[in-house]
Amino acid sequence: MPTVDTLTDSALGFLTTVPPTSQGVCDVCHGAPGAGYRRCYSCAQTCAQVSEPVTRVVPISLYQSLGQLHLVLRGYEDSRDATARDNFALIVAALLTRYLRRHGSCVAEAAGADWDSITSVPSSKDRPVPHPLERAIQCSLFLREQFDQPLVRGTGPLGHRRASDGAFKASRDLSGRRILLLDDTFTTGAALESAASSLTNAWATVVAAVVVGRVINPEFGPEAAALWERATRVPFDFERCCLCSSD
């Protein structure tokens, strides 16, 4: 049985360093804002569309569309090969496990609070439940022991750059719970911000959100190209994260 270290070491070649928030890096998702802005266009939109956004989003890696990490994050959901789906799910689970074991304290320190449970963003599509990320989480004892899923799909709108408080709903009162929200992919943040707001509106505290990959497409503009060039100058290292280092 592969270990967390062997699975994640094999992924080193396609993981990309996430720069810390600074000029040219979004203060929410570590993506690329427009010139003169602190926040990228997607985060500015989706955070404004919900009443309780999470403004500390921590990606493990940046990635490009059609790159290897993109193939892993698509394949563990949609591959027609069940064995491939299972293998990709192990990689996703191992990446989250290794990151949180090593840098969970960085997340808690940056947020000013630890968490007592983790949950994931539910599926926003018509797919069998549970979401593939929930199935991946069950592959890791470390994640599984902390996991709880109080969210279900609601009736509110949800789409590309379209977040809402009603997109998800909590199945029970979450008063006093401190939750770390997990997702696999951050593109516009609409689903993640909707989930975070639903949790907070159920009286939970969303400490932060950790995502496996934040998509960056350098061809979208000079700011995205500059961020990608900056990120790829620094080799990925599991001992460093965007919260505990500067580049």
Protein backbone atom coordinates (compact mmCIF):
# COMPACT_ATOMS: atom_id res chain seq x y z
CA MET A 1 0.00 0.00 0.00
CA PRO A 2 1.53 3.38 -0.97
CA THR A 3 2.25 5.83 1.81
CA VAL A 4 1.38 9.52 2.01
CA ASP A 5 5.02 10.41 1.41
CA THR A 6 5.49 8.15 -1.62
CA LEU A 7 2.25 9.34 -3.21
CA THR A 8 3.05 13.00 -2.69
CA ASP A 9 6.74 12.72 -3.57
CA SER A 10 5.66 11.30 -6.91
CA ALA A 11 3.58 14.45 -7.45
CA LEU A 12 6.46 16.88 -6.90
CA GLY A 13 7.08 17.23 -10.61
CA PHE A 14 3.67 18.75 -11.28
CA LEU A 15 3.10 20.87 -8.15
CA THR A 16 3.71 24.62 -8.30
CA THR A 17 4.68 26.90 -5.44
CA VAL A 18 1.96 29.26 -4.20
CA PRO A 19 3.32 32.78 -3.57
CA PRO A 20 2.26 34.54 -0.36
CA THR A 21 -0.26 37.33 -0.65
CA SER A 22 1.49 40.52 -1.67
CA GLN A 23 1.44 42.97 -4.55
CA GLY A 24 0.34 41.02 -7.61
CA VAL A 25 -1.21 38.19 -5.55
CA CYS A 26 -4.90 38.12 -4.57
CA ASP A 27 -5.42 38.65 -0.85
CA VAL A 28 -8.06 35.90 -0.77
CA CYS A 29 -7.13 33.05 -3.14
CA HIS A 30 -3.48 33.76 -4.12
CA GLY A 31 -4.54 34.19 -7.75
CA ALA A 32 -3.73 37.12 -10.01
CA PRO A 33 -5.57 40.42 -9.43
CA GLY A 34 -5.70 43.15 -12.02
CA ALA A 35 -3.06 45.86 -11.95
CA GLY A 36 -3.55 48.10 -8.92
CA TYR A 37 -5.98 45.75 -7.16
CA ARG A 38 -5.47 43.60 -4.06
CA ARG A 39 -8.23 41.12 -4.94
CA CYS A 40 -8.80 39.18 -8.15
CA TYR A 41 -11.97 39.79 -10.13
CA SER A 42 -13.50 36.40 -9.25
CA CYS A 43 -12.99 36.83 -5.51
CA ALA A 44 -14.26 40.40 -5.60
CA GLN A 45 -17.45 39.14 -7.25
CA THR A 46 -18.12 35.97 -5.29
CA CYS A 47 -17.23 37.44 -1.88
CA ALA A 48 -19.70 40.26 -2.54
CA GLN A 49 -22.49 37.85 -3.47
CA VAL A 50 -22.69 36.10 -0.09
CA SER A 51 -23.24 37.47 3.38
CA GLU A 52 -20.39 35.57 5.10
CA PRO A 53 -17.48 34.91 2.73
CA VAL A 54 -14.27 33.20 3.79
CA THR A 55 -11.37 35.51 2.96
CA ARG A 56 -8.52 33.16 3.85
CA VAL A 57 -8.20 30.60 1.07
CA VAL A 58 -5.02 28.53 1.15
CA PRO A 59 -4.07 26.60 -2.01
CA ILE A 60 -1.56 23.76 -1.76
CA SER A 61 -0.46 24.27 -5.38
CA LEU A 62 -1.13 26.43 -8.39
CA TYR A 63 -1.80 24.66 -11.68
CA GLN A 64 -2.58 25.31 -15.32
CA SER A 65 -5.54 23.91 -17.22
CA LEU A 66 -4.61 20.60 -18.90
CA GLY A 67 -1.48 20.29 -16.75
CA GLN A 68 -0.84 17.12 -14.77
CA LEU A 69 -2.45 18.35 -11.54
CA HIS A 70 -5.50 19.36 -13.56
CA LEU A 71 -5.66 15.81 -14.95
CA VAL A 72 -5.48 14.37 -11.41
CA LEU A 73 -8.23 16.67 -10.14
CA ARG A 74 -10.45 15.89 -13.12
CA GLY A 75 -9.56 12.22 -13.25
CA TYR A 76 -10.46 11.40 -9.65
CA GLU A 77 -13.94 12.70 -10.41
CA ASP A 78 -14.61 11.83 -14.03
CA SER A 79 -12.24 9.17 -15.36
CA ARG A 80 -14.07 6.31 -17.05
CA ASP A 81 -11.50 3.94 -15.56
CA ALA A 82 -12.45 3.03 -11.97
CA THR A 83 -8.88 2.08 -11.11
CA ALA A 84 -7.62 5.44 -12.36
CA ARG A 85 -10.27 7.24 -10.30
CA ASP A 86 -9.17 5.35 -7.20
CA ASN A 87 -5.48 6.06 -7.82
CA PHE A 88 -6.09 9.75 -8.39
CA ALA A 89 -8.26 9.89 -5.24
CA LEU A 90 -5.35 8.49 -3.23
CA ILE A 91 -3.13 11.31 -4.53
CA VAL A 92 -5.73 13.95 -3.60
CA ALA A 93 -6.13 12.48 -0.12
CA ALA A 94 -2.36 12.24 0.35
CA LEU A 95 -1.79 15.85 -0.71
CA LEU A 96 -4.35 17.14 1.78
CA THR A 97 -3.04 14.87 4.52
CA ARG A 98 0.61 15.83 4.06
CA TYR A 99 -0.21 19.52 3.80
CA LEU A 100 -2.39 19.63 6.91
CA ARG A 101 0.00 17.51 8.97
CA ARG A 102 2.87 19.83 8.11
CA HIS A 103 1.12 23.19 7.76
CA GLY A 104 -2.13 22.93 9.67
CA SER A 105 -0.48 25.00 12.39
CA CYS A 106 0.34 27.67 9.77
CA VAL A 107 -3.33 27.84 8.79
CA ALA A 108 -4.48 28.04 12.41
CA GLU A 109 -1.91 30.72 13.26
CA ALA A 110 -2.82 32.83 10.23
CA ALA A 111 -6.53 32.48 10.98
CA GLY A 112 -6.12 33.08 14.69
CA ALA A 113 -8.03 29.90 15.56
CA ASP A 114 -7.78 26.14 15.27
CA TRP A 115 -10.63 23.91 14.05
CA ASP A 116 -12.47 21.01 15.61
CA SER A 117 -13.72 19.48 12.35
CA ILE A 118 -13.20 19.62 8.62
CA THR A 119 -15.82 19.54 5.90
CA SER A 120 -15.80 19.73 2.12
CA VAL A 121 -17.72 21.72 -0.47
CA PRO A 122 -20.62 19.51 -1.63
CA SER A 123 -21.22 18.76 -5.27
CA SER A 124 -22.93 21.47 -7.26
CA LYS A 125 -23.66 19.08 -10.16
CA ASP A 126 -26.09 16.26 -10.70
CA ARG A 127 -23.77 13.47 -9.64
CA PRO A 128 -24.16 10.54 -7.24
CA VAL A 129 -23.41 11.44 -3.63
CA PRO A 130 -21.07 11.60 -1.89
CA HIS A 131 -18.85 14.04 -3.76
CA PRO A 132 -15.56 12.46 -4.96
CA LEU A 133 -13.67 14.62 -2.45
CA GLU A 134 -15.62 13.02 0.39
CA ARG A 135 -14.67 9.59 -0.94
CA ALA A 136 -11.03 10.70 -1.18
CA ILE A 137 -11.12 11.96 2.41
CA GLN A 138 -12.26 8.50 3.52
CA CYS A 139 -8.95 7.11 2.16
CA SER A 140 -7.03 8.99 4.89
CA LEU A 141 -7.47 8.08 8.55
CA PHE A 142 -6.03 11.50 9.48
CA LEU A 143 -8.71 13.31 7.46
CA ARG A 144 -11.52 10.84 8.13
CA GLU A 145 -11.26 11.21 11.90
CA GLN A 146 -11.85 14.97 11.63
CA PHE A 147 -14.47 14.91 8.87
CA ASP A 148 -18.11 15.91 9.19
CA GLN A 149 -20.49 16.88 6.38
CA PRO A 150 -23.37 19.08 7.53
CA LEU A 151 -23.98 20.68 4.10
CA VAL A 152 -26.38 19.66 1.35
CA ARG A 153 -27.28 21.34 -1.92
CA GLY A 154 -29.80 24.13 -1.53
CA THR A 155 -32.10 25.86 -3.99
CA GLY A 156 -30.10 29.06 -4.43
CA PRO A 157 -28.25 29.90 -7.65
CA LEU A 158 -24.73 28.66 -8.18
CA GLY A 159 -22.53 28.91 -11.24
CA HIS A 160 -19.38 30.37 -12.72
CA ARG A 161 -18.70 33.49 -10.60
CA ARG A 162 -22.22 33.13 -9.20
CA ALA A 163 -22.33 32.46 -5.47
CA SER A 164 -25.31 32.66 -3.11
CA ASP A 165 -26.22 32.05 0.51
CA GLY A 166 -28.82 29.51 -0.58
CA ALA A 167 -26.66 27.40 -2.87
CA PHE A 168 -26.01 25.07 0.08
CA LYS A 169 -27.72 24.65 3.42
CA ALA A 170 -26.70 23.17 6.75
CA SER A 171 -28.66 20.13 7.87
CA ARG A 172 -28.38 21.13 11.53
CA ASP A 173 -27.43 23.92 13.90
CA LEU A 174 -23.63 24.31 14.02
CA SER A 175 -23.37 26.68 16.96
CA GLY A 176 -19.87 26.77 18.39
CA ARG A 177 -18.28 24.59 15.70
CA ARG A 178 -14.96 25.72 14.25
CA ILE A 179 -14.65 24.30 10.74
CA LEU A 180 -11.86 24.04 8.19
CA LEU A 181 -13.40 23.95 4.71
CA LEU A 182 -11.74 21.81 2.03
CA ASP A 183 -12.13 21.78 -1.75
CA ASP A 184 -10.23 20.21 -4.59
CA THR A 185 -10.19 23.00 -7.17
CA PHE A 186 -10.46 26.78 -6.96
CA THR A 187 -11.41 28.46 -10.22
CA THR A 188 -13.77 31.32 -9.37
CA GLY A 189 -14.56 30.38 -5.77
CA ALA A 190 -18.34 30.49 -6.23
CA ALA A 191 -19.04 27.09 -4.68
CA LEU A 192 -16.50 27.53 -1.91
CA GLU A 193 -17.80 30.97 -0.88
CA SER A 194 -21.38 29.71 -0.99
CA ALA A 195 -20.49 26.79 1.27
CA ALA A 196 -18.55 28.99 3.69
CA SER A 197 -21.44 31.43 3.98
CA SER A 198 -23.94 28.64 4.61
CA LEU A 199 -21.78 27.25 7.41
CA THR A 200 -21.40 30.66 9.04
CA ASN A 201 -25.12 31.36 8.72
CA ALA A 202 -25.68 28.10 10.64
CA TRP A 203 -23.60 29.63 13.46
CA ALA A 204 -20.32 27.88 12.72
CA THR A 205 -16.96 29.64 12.45
CA VAL A 206 -15.17 28.91 9.19
CA VAL A 207 -11.52 29.16 10.21
CA ALA A 208 -10.16 29.06 6.64
CA ALA A 209 -10.45 27.13 3.39
CA VAL A 210 -7.73 24.84 2.03
CA VAL A 211 -7.85 23.81 -1.64
CA VAL A 212 -5.63 21.35 -3.46
CA GLY A 213 -5.20 23.45 -6.59
CA ARG A 214 -5.77 27.06 -7.63
CA VAL A 215 -6.00 27.29 -11.41
CA ILE A 216 -3.88 29.96 -13.11
CA ASN A 217 -4.00 30.49 -16.87
CA PRO A 218 -1.03 32.69 -17.88
CA GLU A 219 -2.62 33.46 -21.25
CA PHE A 220 -5.45 35.36 -19.53
CA GLY A 221 -3.31 38.49 -19.20
CA PRO A 222 0.00 39.97 -18.12
CA GLU A 223 -0.84 39.79 -14.41
CA ALA A 224 -1.59 36.06 -14.59
CA ALA A 225 1.52 35.47 -16.69
CA ALA A 226 3.67 37.36 -14.19
CA LEU A 227 2.22 35.41 -11.26
CA TRP A 228 2.83 32.08 -12.98
CA GLU A 229 6.42 33.05 -13.85
CA ARG A 230 7.00 34.13 -10.24
CA ALA A 231 5.53 30.90 -8.88
CA THR A 232 7.51 28.59 -11.15
CA ARG A 233 10.83 30.25 -10.25
CA VAL A 234 10.67 28.56 -6.83
CA PRO A 235 10.68 24.73 -6.85
CA PHE A 236 7.79 23.22 -4.92
CA ASP A 237 8.74 22.05 -1.44
CA PHE A 238 6.40 20.35 1.04
CA GLU A 239 8.29 22.07 3.85
CA ARG A 240 7.13 25.49 2.64
CA CYS A 241 3.64 26.90 2.20
CA CYS A 242 2.20 30.26 1.16
CA LEU A 243 1.58 31.16 4.82
CA CYS A 244 4.96 30.39 6.36
CA SER A 245 7.40 31.59 3.71
CA SER A 246 8.16 34.47 1.42
CA ASP A 247 9.59 34.24 -2.05
